[in-house]
């Protein structure tokens, strides 16, 4: 990663922490959701088919403590492509991602029979395919600023663990820039490179095999609880 990009991202993350202060104070779940999720159609809105295919994610299953496990195929998310298409494309992409976070966080209310209500979530972000062009666009950095500003309070409250897998040198650099200035959130983050033989055993120590796709060591007959890349 270039020195200039590192400096830009460092300044950006400082900005994230500064501007996120207005919503990061102690709040209960209801207050956080009322502040962040104000739209009344997030359960029913159907995004454009092109966007759904371009931003794949799914609800994979549950861990042994009945926490929902989600997977986001982050390396396929070409934000710059849809930002550069204009205002209407940008707004649709923003709403799709907002809807995705909404679905992720409300999934704690839908636990399997015999389980206590979940209070946290586990997420796998797959960075396979991530490249420099996905972050160099100035508007992409601004977009990430806003995402962190809005969602950091929910991450802190509800994320039990975040696993980044298949990361390349550039993606690891982005995470490392964020690590020293993101407080306790980064204590829940584990970052693994593209060598599956190294990260897969560690992942399977913490997440049940039968709740994961074969790509992450799961069973061949795996079916996600819900998929949103259709």
Protein backbone atom coordinates (compact mmCIF):
# COMPACT_ATOMS: atom_id res chain seq x y z
CA UNK A 1 0.00 0.00 0.00
CA UNK A 2 1.33 3.44 -0.92
CA UNK A 3 2.38 5.91 1.75
CA UNK A 4 -0.07 8.53 0.47
CA UNK A 5 -2.99 6.11 0.67
CA UNK A 6 -2.04 5.11 4.22
CA UNK A 7 -1.93 8.77 5.26
CA UNK A 8 -5.29 9.45 3.62
CA UNK A 9 -6.90 6.48 5.33
CA UNK A 10 -5.36 7.34 8.70
CA UNK A 11 -6.82 10.85 8.51
CA UNK A 12 -10.13 9.39 7.38
CA UNK A 13 -10.36 7.02 10.34
CA UNK A 14 -9.53 9.86 12.72
CA UNK A 15 -12.44 11.67 11.15
CA UNK A 16 -14.64 8.62 11.66
CA UNK A 17 -13.96 8.62 15.38
CA UNK A 18 -14.52 12.36 15.63
CA UNK A 19 -17.81 12.50 13.73
CA UNK A 20 -19.17 9.31 15.27
CA UNK A 21 -19.21 10.82 18.74
CA UNK A 22 -22.70 12.23 18.28
CA UNK A 23 -24.28 8.75 18.30
CA UNK A 24 -21.72 6.61 20.11
CA UNK A 25 -22.74 7.37 23.67
CA UNK A 26 -24.51 4.81 25.87
CA UNK A 27 -27.88 3.89 24.41
CA UNK A 28 -30.09 0.89 24.64
CA UNK A 29 -30.99 -1.26 21.66
CA UNK A 30 -34.27 0.53 20.96
CA UNK A 31 -32.64 3.95 20.97
CA UNK A 32 -29.83 2.85 18.63
CA UNK A 33 -32.24 1.34 16.16
CA UNK A 34 -34.53 4.36 16.22
CA UNK A 35 -31.56 6.64 15.48
CA UNK A 36 -29.98 4.52 12.75
CA UNK A 37 -32.81 2.64 11.03
CA UNK A 38 -35.44 5.27 10.32
CA UNK A 39 -36.88 3.87 7.06
CA UNK A 40 -40.08 1.84 7.38
CA UNK A 41 -39.55 -0.33 4.28
CA UNK A 42 -36.26 -2.12 5.01
CA UNK A 43 -38.10 -5.41 5.50
CA UNK A 44 -39.85 -5.17 2.14
CA UNK A 45 -37.69 -3.06 -0.19
CA UNK A 46 -36.49 -5.05 -3.19
CA UNK A 47 -33.16 -3.68 -4.52
CA UNK A 48 -32.35 -3.65 -8.25
CA UNK A 49 -31.31 -7.11 -9.40
CA UNK A 50 -27.93 -5.84 -10.61
CA UNK A 51 -27.09 -4.50 -7.15
CA UNK A 52 -28.14 -7.69 -5.39
CA UNK A 53 -25.76 -9.70 -7.53
CA UNK A 54 -22.95 -7.17 -7.09
CA UNK A 55 -23.11 -7.09 -3.26
CA UNK A 56 -23.56 -10.71 -2.12
CA UNK A 57 -24.10 -11.57 1.52
CA UNK A 58 -26.03 -14.21 3.43
CA UNK A 59 -27.10 -15.45 6.82
CA UNK A 60 -25.08 -18.63 7.15
CA UNK A 61 -26.32 -20.18 10.40
CA UNK A 62 -25.71 -20.08 14.16
CA UNK A 63 -22.70 -20.71 16.35
CA UNK A 64 -22.77 -22.98 19.40
CA UNK A 65 -24.12 -20.13 21.54
CA UNK A 66 -26.98 -19.51 19.10
CA UNK A 67 -25.41 -16.33 17.76
CA UNK A 68 -26.22 -15.65 14.09
CA UNK A 69 -23.33 -16.14 11.67
CA UNK A 70 -23.30 -13.86 8.63
CA UNK A 71 -21.04 -13.91 5.57
CA UNK A 72 -20.28 -10.89 3.39
CA UNK A 73 -18.35 -11.49 0.17
CA UNK A 74 -16.61 -8.17 0.58
CA UNK A 75 -13.99 -8.71 -2.11
CA UNK A 76 -16.74 -8.62 -4.75
CA UNK A 77 -18.19 -5.33 -3.57
CA UNK A 78 -17.04 -2.79 -6.15
CA UNK A 79 -18.26 0.39 -4.47
CA UNK A 80 -16.45 2.69 -6.89
CA UNK A 81 -18.34 1.26 -9.86
CA UNK A 82 -21.73 2.20 -8.47
CA UNK A 83 -20.61 5.49 -6.95
CA UNK A 84 -19.31 6.61 -10.34
CA UNK A 85 -22.65 5.84 -12.04
CA UNK A 86 -24.30 8.85 -10.48
CA UNK A 87 -26.56 9.96 -7.65
CA UNK A 88 -29.42 7.50 -8.18
CA UNK A 89 -27.01 4.55 -8.31
CA UNK A 90 -25.21 5.77 -5.19
CA UNK A 91 -28.46 6.14 -3.26
CA UNK A 92 -29.62 2.65 -4.24
CA UNK A 93 -26.27 1.18 -3.17
CA UNK A 94 -26.41 3.05 0.13
CA UNK A 95 -29.89 1.74 0.84
CA UNK A 96 -28.91 -1.83 -0.08
CA UNK A 97 -25.98 -1.75 2.37
CA UNK A 98 -28.16 -0.08 5.01
CA UNK A 99 -30.75 -2.82 4.53
CA UNK A 100 -28.00 -5.43 4.88
CA UNK A 101 -26.89 -4.07 8.23
CA UNK A 102 -30.50 -3.88 9.35
CA UNK A 103 -31.04 -7.55 8.50
CA UNK A 104 -27.82 -8.51 10.23
CA UNK A 105 -28.62 -6.79 13.51
CA UNK A 106 -32.29 -7.80 13.72
CA UNK A 107 -31.32 -11.44 13.16
CA UNK A 108 -30.51 -11.68 16.87
CA UNK A 109 -34.26 -11.71 17.43
CA UNK A 110 -34.71 -14.93 15.43
CA UNK A 111 -32.93 -17.67 17.36
CA UNK A 112 -33.49 -21.44 16.94
CA UNK A 113 -35.90 -23.34 19.22
CA UNK A 114 -34.38 -24.12 22.61
CA UNK A 115 -31.97 -21.19 22.52
CA UNK A 116 -31.80 -18.17 24.74
CA UNK A 117 -32.18 -14.88 22.86
CA UNK A 118 -28.89 -13.91 21.23
CA UNK A 119 -27.17 -10.68 22.11
CA UNK A 120 -24.27 -10.77 19.64
CA UNK A 121 -23.37 -11.73 16.07
CA UNK A 122 -20.42 -13.35 14.31
CA UNK A 123 -19.46 -12.16 10.84
CA UNK A 124 -17.12 -13.52 8.18
CA UNK A 125 -15.97 -10.96 5.63
CA UNK A 126 -14.38 -12.66 2.64
CA UNK A 127 -11.93 -10.30 0.93
CA UNK A 128 -11.19 -12.63 -1.99
CA UNK A 129 -10.88 -10.47 -5.12
CA UNK A 130 -10.31 -7.19 -3.29
CA UNK A 131 -8.15 -4.73 -5.23
CA UNK A 132 -6.74 -1.23 -5.09
CA UNK A 133 -9.38 0.26 -7.40
CA UNK A 134 -12.11 -0.50 -4.88
CA UNK A 135 -10.75 2.05 -2.38
CA UNK A 136 -8.72 4.63 -4.27
CA UNK A 137 -11.79 6.58 -5.43
CA UNK A 138 -12.17 9.64 -3.17
CA UNK A 139 -15.92 9.16 -2.87
CA UNK A 140 -15.38 5.57 -1.70
CA UNK A 141 -13.33 6.82 1.27
CA UNK A 142 -16.10 9.31 2.06
CA UNK A 143 -18.61 6.48 1.82
CA UNK A 144 -16.61 4.40 4.32
CA UNK A 145 -16.42 7.42 6.61
CA UNK A 146 -20.16 7.64 6.71
CA UNK A 147 -20.63 3.89 7.17
CA UNK A 148 -18.33 3.86 10.21
CA UNK A 149 -19.91 7.02 11.59
CA UNK A 150 -23.34 5.43 11.49
CA UNK A 151 -22.64 1.83 12.46
CA UNK A 152 -19.73 1.86 14.94
CA UNK A 153 -22.13 2.04 17.95
CA UNK A 154 -23.93 -1.07 16.75
CA UNK A 155 -20.66 -2.87 15.97
CA UNK A 156 -19.48 -2.18 19.51
CA UNK A 157 -22.70 -3.40 21.04
CA UNK A 158 -23.52 -6.45 18.94
CA UNK A 159 -20.42 -7.82 17.19
CA UNK A 160 -18.98 -10.78 19.08
CA UNK A 161 -16.35 -11.48 16.44
CA UNK A 162 -15.41 -10.38 12.93
CA UNK A 163 -13.29 -12.65 10.75
CA UNK A 164 -11.58 -11.28 7.64
CA UNK A 165 -10.39 -14.12 5.39
CA UNK A 166 -8.58 -14.23 2.05
CA UNK A 167 -7.10 -10.81 2.64
CA UNK A 168 -4.26 -9.58 0.46
CA UNK A 169 -1.46 -7.22 1.45
CA UNK A 170 -3.51 -4.14 0.62
CA UNK A 171 -6.57 -5.20 2.60
CA UNK A 172 -4.43 -6.09 5.62
CA UNK A 173 -2.94 -2.61 5.37
CA UNK A 174 -6.40 -1.05 5.60
CA UNK A 175 -7.20 -3.10 8.70
CA UNK A 176 -3.88 -2.27 10.34
CA UNK A 177 -4.43 1.44 9.76
CA UNK A 178 -7.75 1.13 11.57
CA UNK A 179 -6.56 -1.10 14.41
CA UNK A 180 -4.81 1.41 16.70
CA UNK A 181 -7.57 4.00 16.49
CA UNK A 182 -10.69 1.83 16.61
CA UNK A 183 -10.57 0.96 20.28
CA UNK A 184 -12.20 -2.18 21.63
CA UNK A 185 -13.86 -3.02 18.33
CA UNK A 186 -10.55 -4.21 16.87
CA UNK A 187 -10.11 -6.63 19.77
CA UNK A 188 -12.90 -8.66 18.18
CA UNK A 189 -11.34 -8.68 14.73
CA UNK A 190 -9.22 -11.53 13.33
CA UNK A 191 -7.48 -11.08 9.97
CA UNK A 192 -6.31 -14.01 7.84
CA UNK A 193 -4.54 -14.07 4.49
CA UNK A 194 -5.29 -16.11 1.35
CA UNK A 195 -3.74 -19.36 2.62
CA UNK A 196 -6.83 -21.39 3.47
CA UNK A 197 -4.83 -24.14 5.14
CA UNK A 198 -3.76 -21.62 7.79
CA UNK A 199 -7.04 -19.85 8.55
CA UNK A 200 -9.57 -22.64 8.08
CA UNK A 201 -8.58 -24.68 11.20
CA UNK A 202 -8.76 -21.51 13.32
CA UNK A 203 -12.18 -20.64 11.93
CA UNK A 204 -13.54 -24.12 12.56
CA UNK A 205 -12.40 -24.03 16.18
CA UNK A 206 -14.87 -21.22 16.77
CA UNK A 207 -17.68 -21.81 14.28
CA UNK A 208 -19.62 -25.07 13.71
CA UNK A 209 -18.83 -26.85 10.45
CA UNK A 210 -22.49 -27.64 9.76
CA UNK A 211 -23.34 -23.93 9.81
CA UNK A 212 -20.83 -22.96 7.12
CA UNK A 213 -20.58 -23.33 3.36
CA UNK A 214 -17.95 -25.71 1.90
CA UNK A 215 -15.87 -22.65 1.07
CA UNK A 216 -15.32 -22.18 4.81
CA UNK A 217 -14.99 -25.84 5.72
CA UNK A 218 -18.69 -26.65 5.89
CA UNK A 219 -20.72 -29.56 4.61
CA UNK A 220 -21.49 -30.14 0.93
CA UNK A 221 -25.24 -30.07 1.55
CA UNK A 222 -25.05 -26.70 3.31
CA UNK A 223 -27.88 -24.24 2.74
CA UNK A 224 -27.83 -20.73 4.20
CA UNK A 225 -30.71 -19.61 6.35
CA UNK A 226 -31.22 -16.64 4.05
CA UNK A 227 -29.31 -15.47 0.99
CA UNK A 228 -29.51 -12.00 -0.49
CA UNK A 229 -27.39 -12.32 -3.64
CA UNK A 230 -30.17 -13.63 -5.84
